Structures are given as C-alpha cells and as structure tokens.
Amino acid sequence: MKEWTKQDIHEAIEKKESAIIYFYTPLCGTCQVAGRMLDVIEDMTGKTIYQADLNYLPDIAELFKIESVPCLLLLNRGCVSKKIYAFRSIPYLLEILKEYS
C-alpha cells in the first residue's frame, strides 16, 4: 500500500477522484491485522489501496468523521461513499470492494 499524505487526500477530493484509503495507527494491533488483510486483497485484485497514519491527520479524521481505527474509507468522485470499521475477513472485504470499481 502506498502511504498518502494530507495533501494527497485533499487533491483526491478536489479532483473528485475515487480512492480506497486505509486509516490506521502504527501501535494498533487490530490495524496491523487489517493492513495484512488489505495487502492480500491488493495482491489478489490489483486494486490500489492507499494508507494514511491517522496520528498525523487529526483534521482529516474530523473532516471524514472517522470514529476509530482501523477504518477503510471509500471515496467516490471525491465524496465518502462508505466507511468500514469491522474488517471481519478477506472474503467480506472482497465482496464490499467488488461493488466499488
């Protein structure tokens, strides 16, 4: 996964792009498991998933109303279309991302 900065996120919003962004914190054990799941999904699907350390993005957390980590945020044309907090399983995430082109 490619690390995204605040500038990258704001550019995606301004350009009305679609993106899959994984918000995490490095010391979160659940985030580490979720990150490994997303690495597998990225390898399986070829979809690009961006990651961002929420410790350095408090204004982004407020903008998107992120309640906890890990959080998978789906941007569709610069707008939030879905937020996922419970990563459950790889098949579960694949099903969600299948709907997201």
Protein backbone atom coordinates (compact mmCIF):
# COMPACT_ATOMS: atom_id res chain seq x y z
CA MET A 1 0.00 0.00 0.00
CA LYS A 2 1.19 3.49 -0.80
CA GLU A 3 1.34 5.98 2.08
CA TRP A 4 -0.84 9.03 1.49
CA THR A 5 -0.37 12.48 2.99
CA LYS A 6 -2.89 15.16 3.85
CA GLN A 7 -2.04 16.83 0.53
CA ASP A 8 -2.72 13.61 -1.43
CA ILE A 9 -6.12 13.24 0.25
CA HIS A 10 -7.10 16.87 -0.37
CA GLU A 11 -6.05 16.58 -4.02
CA ALA A 12 -8.23 13.47 -4.46
CA ILE A 13 -11.20 15.37 -3.01
CA GLU A 14 -10.58 18.49 -5.13
CA LYS A 15 -10.14 16.47 -8.33
CA LYS A 16 -13.23 14.41 -7.44
CA GLU A 17 -11.27 11.17 -7.70
CA SER A 18 -12.23 7.75 -6.42
CA ALA A 19 -9.88 6.03 -3.98
CA ILE A 20 -9.66 3.37 -1.29
CA ILE A 21 -7.96 4.80 1.80
CA TYR A 22 -6.99 2.75 4.83
CA PHE A 23 -6.62 4.82 8.02
CA TYR A 24 -4.54 3.26 10.79
CA THR A 25 -2.22 3.96 13.70
CA PRO A 26 1.08 2.03 13.96
CA LEU A 27 0.62 0.80 17.54
CA CYS A 28 -2.89 -0.58 16.94
CA GLY A 29 -2.79 -4.40 16.84
CA THR A 30 -6.09 -4.63 15.01
CA CYS A 31 -4.73 -2.18 12.43
CA GLN A 32 -1.74 -4.44 11.83
CA VAL A 33 -4.02 -7.41 11.10
CA ALA A 34 -6.26 -5.25 8.89
CA GLY A 35 -3.23 -3.98 6.99
CA ARG A 36 -2.09 -7.53 6.23
CA MET A 37 -5.61 -8.37 5.01
CA LEU A 38 -5.58 -5.36 2.71
CA ASP A 39 -2.14 -6.31 1.36
CA VAL A 40 -3.59 -9.70 0.36
CA ILE A 41 -6.61 -8.02 -1.24
CA GLU A 42 -4.39 -5.61 -3.15
CA ASP A 43 -2.35 -8.55 -4.48
CA MET A 44 -5.48 -10.55 -5.39
CA THR A 45 -7.41 -7.77 -7.10
CA GLY A 46 -4.79 -5.38 -8.42
CA LYS A 47 -6.72 -2.51 -6.84
CA THR A 48 -4.61 0.28 -5.38
CA ILE A 49 -5.23 0.85 -1.70
CA TYR A 50 -3.71 3.90 -0.05
CA GLN A 51 -2.88 4.08 3.64
CA ALA A 52 -2.64 7.05 5.99
CA ASP A 53 -1.45 7.25 9.60
CA LEU A 54 -4.29 8.97 11.44
CA ASN A 55 -1.91 10.14 14.19
CA TYR A 56 -0.68 12.81 11.79
CA LEU A 57 -4.06 13.67 10.27
CA PRO A 58 -6.42 14.91 13.02
CA ASP A 59 -8.08 17.38 10.64
CA ILE A 60 -8.73 14.58 8.13
CA ALA A 61 -10.24 12.45 10.91
CA GLU A 62 -12.55 15.34 11.72
CA LEU A 63 -13.36 16.04 8.06
CA PHE A 64 -14.39 12.42 7.40
CA LYS A 65 -15.81 11.91 10.92
CA ILE A 66 -13.59 8.86 11.47
CA GLU A 67 -14.60 7.35 14.80
CA SER A 68 -11.86 4.75 15.27
CA VAL A 69 -9.10 2.81 13.58
CA PRO A 70 -8.77 0.75 11.55
CA CYS A 71 -11.02 2.49 9.05
CA LEU A 72 -11.36 1.74 5.36
CA LEU A 73 -12.82 4.72 3.56
CA LEU A 74 -14.15 4.50 0.02
CA LEU A 75 -14.10 7.78 -1.88
CA ASN A 76 -16.33 8.04 -4.92
CA ARG A 77 -15.77 11.16 -7.00
CA GLY A 78 -14.26 12.94 -4.01
CA CYS A 79 -17.10 12.07 -1.62
CA VAL A 80 -17.23 9.37 1.04
CA SER A 81 -19.37 6.52 -0.21
CA LYS A 82 -18.61 4.03 2.58
CA LYS A 83 -16.66 3.67 5.84
CA ILE A 84 -15.76 0.25 7.18
CA TYR A 85 -14.57 -0.29 10.74
CA ALA A 86 -15.14 -4.06 11.11
CA PHE A 87 -12.81 -5.81 8.67
CA ARG A 88 -14.20 -9.28 9.57
CA SER A 89 -12.48 -11.34 6.84
CA ILE A 90 -10.83 -11.16 3.45
CA PRO A 91 -13.92 -12.58 1.65
CA TYR A 92 -16.08 -9.95 3.40
CA LEU A 93 -13.80 -7.13 2.23
CA LEU A 94 -13.57 -8.57 -1.29
CA GLU A 95 -17.35 -8.54 -1.53
CA ILE A 96 -17.50 -4.89 -0.48
CA LEU A 97 -14.72 -3.86 -2.84
CA LYS A 98 -16.28 -5.82 -5.72
CA GLU A 99 -19.13 -3.31 -5.68
CA TYR A 100 -16.59 -0.48 -5.74
CA SER A 101 -15.00 -0.07 -9.15
